[in-house]
C-alpha cells in the first residue's frame, strides 16, 4: 500500500528523501550525481519549488524544498 498523499501548503518547507532498493547505491559515479543535480535544478521552473539544501549519499538523497506555489491540487 502506498503512503497517504502529502499535504501541499504554499510557503512551507518539505524534507524529501529517496533511497535505493535494499539500500543499494542509486548513483554509479559523479556523472550520475551531476545528472541528478541538473534535474533538481529544474524544479523551480517546472514545479515552483525552490531548493534550500541537498545531500547526496551513495544510496540515498535528501532535499529540503520550499513550495513557492501550489500545483492544481486545491490544497492551500
Protein backbone atom coordinates (compact mmCIF):
# COMPACT_ATOMS: atom_id res chain seq x y z
CA UNK A 1 0.00 0.00 0.00
CA UNK A 2 1.31 3.46 -0.89
CA UNK A 3 1.77 6.29 1.57
CA UNK A 4 -1.01 8.85 2.04
CA UNK A 5 -0.95 11.94 -0.18
CA UNK A 6 1.27 14.72 1.13
CA UNK A 7 -0.48 17.96 2.06
CA UNK A 8 0.78 20.83 -0.07
CA UNK A 9 0.93 24.19 1.70
CA UNK A 10 2.24 27.25 -0.11
CA UNK A 11 5.26 28.75 1.64
CA UNK A 12 6.14 25.59 3.60
CA UNK A 13 9.38 23.60 3.68
CA UNK A 14 9.43 19.88 2.86
CA UNK A 15 12.08 17.26 3.53
CA UNK A 16 12.10 14.82 0.61
CA UNK A 17 14.26 11.71 0.54
CA UNK A 18 14.76 8.74 -1.74
CA UNK A 19 16.69 5.52 -1.16
CA UNK A 20 17.78 2.63 -3.35
CA UNK A 21 16.00 -0.71 -3.06
CA UNK A 22 17.59 -2.87 -0.36
CA UNK A 23 19.78 0.20 0.43
CA UNK A 24 21.70 -0.37 -2.80
CA UNK A 25 23.55 2.50 -4.49
CA UNK A 26 21.49 4.84 -6.63
CA UNK A 27 24.45 6.78 -8.05
CA UNK A 28 27.10 4.91 -10.04
CA UNK A 29 29.56 7.79 -10.32
CA UNK A 30 29.97 11.57 -10.28
CA UNK A 31 28.31 11.86 -13.70
CA UNK A 32 25.14 10.29 -12.23
CA UNK A 33 25.25 12.82 -9.40
CA UNK A 34 25.67 15.70 -11.85
CA UNK A 35 22.72 14.45 -13.93
CA UNK A 36 20.56 14.20 -10.81
CA UNK A 37 21.52 17.73 -9.73
CA UNK A 38 20.70 19.04 -13.22
CA UNK A 39 17.17 17.67 -12.76
CA UNK A 40 16.94 19.12 -9.25
CA UNK A 41 17.99 22.47 -10.73
CA UNK A 42 14.87 22.45 -12.93
CA UNK A 43 12.40 22.02 -10.04
CA UNK A 44 11.71 25.72 -9.60
CA UNK A 45 11.00 26.35 -13.27
CA UNK A 46 8.86 23.24 -13.72
CA UNK A 47 7.05 22.97 -10.39
CA UNK A 48 7.52 26.23 -8.47
CA UNK A 49 9.69 24.51 -5.85
CA UNK A 50 12.83 26.18 -4.52
CA UNK A 51 15.73 24.02 -3.29
CA UNK A 52 17.06 25.13 0.09
CA UNK A 53 19.59 22.34 0.64
CA UNK A 54 20.52 18.90 -0.60
CA UNK A 55 22.69 15.93 0.38
CA UNK A 56 23.67 13.14 -1.98
CA UNK A 57 24.89 9.87 -0.49
CA UNK A 58 25.76 6.73 -2.45
CA UNK A 59 22.46 5.00 -1.69
CA UNK A 60 20.10 7.90 -0.92
CA UNK A 61 19.50 11.64 -1.11
CA UNK A 62 17.83 14.36 0.95
CA UNK A 63 16.25 17.53 -0.45
CA UNK A 64 14.94 20.49 1.54
CA UNK A 65 12.31 22.07 -0.72
CA UNK A 66 10.25 25.24 -0.32
CA UNK A 67 6.86 25.23 -2.03
CA UNK A 68 6.58 28.61 -3.77
CA UNK A 69 3.24 27.96 -5.44
CA UNK A 70 0.63 25.26 -5.39
CA UNK A 71 0.03 22.71 -8.09
CA UNK A 72 -3.61 22.47 -9.11
CA UNK A 73 -4.38 20.14 -6.20
CA UNK A 74 -6.69 22.54 -4.36
CA UNK A 75 -4.67 22.49 -1.12
CA UNK A 76 -3.66 25.75 0.50
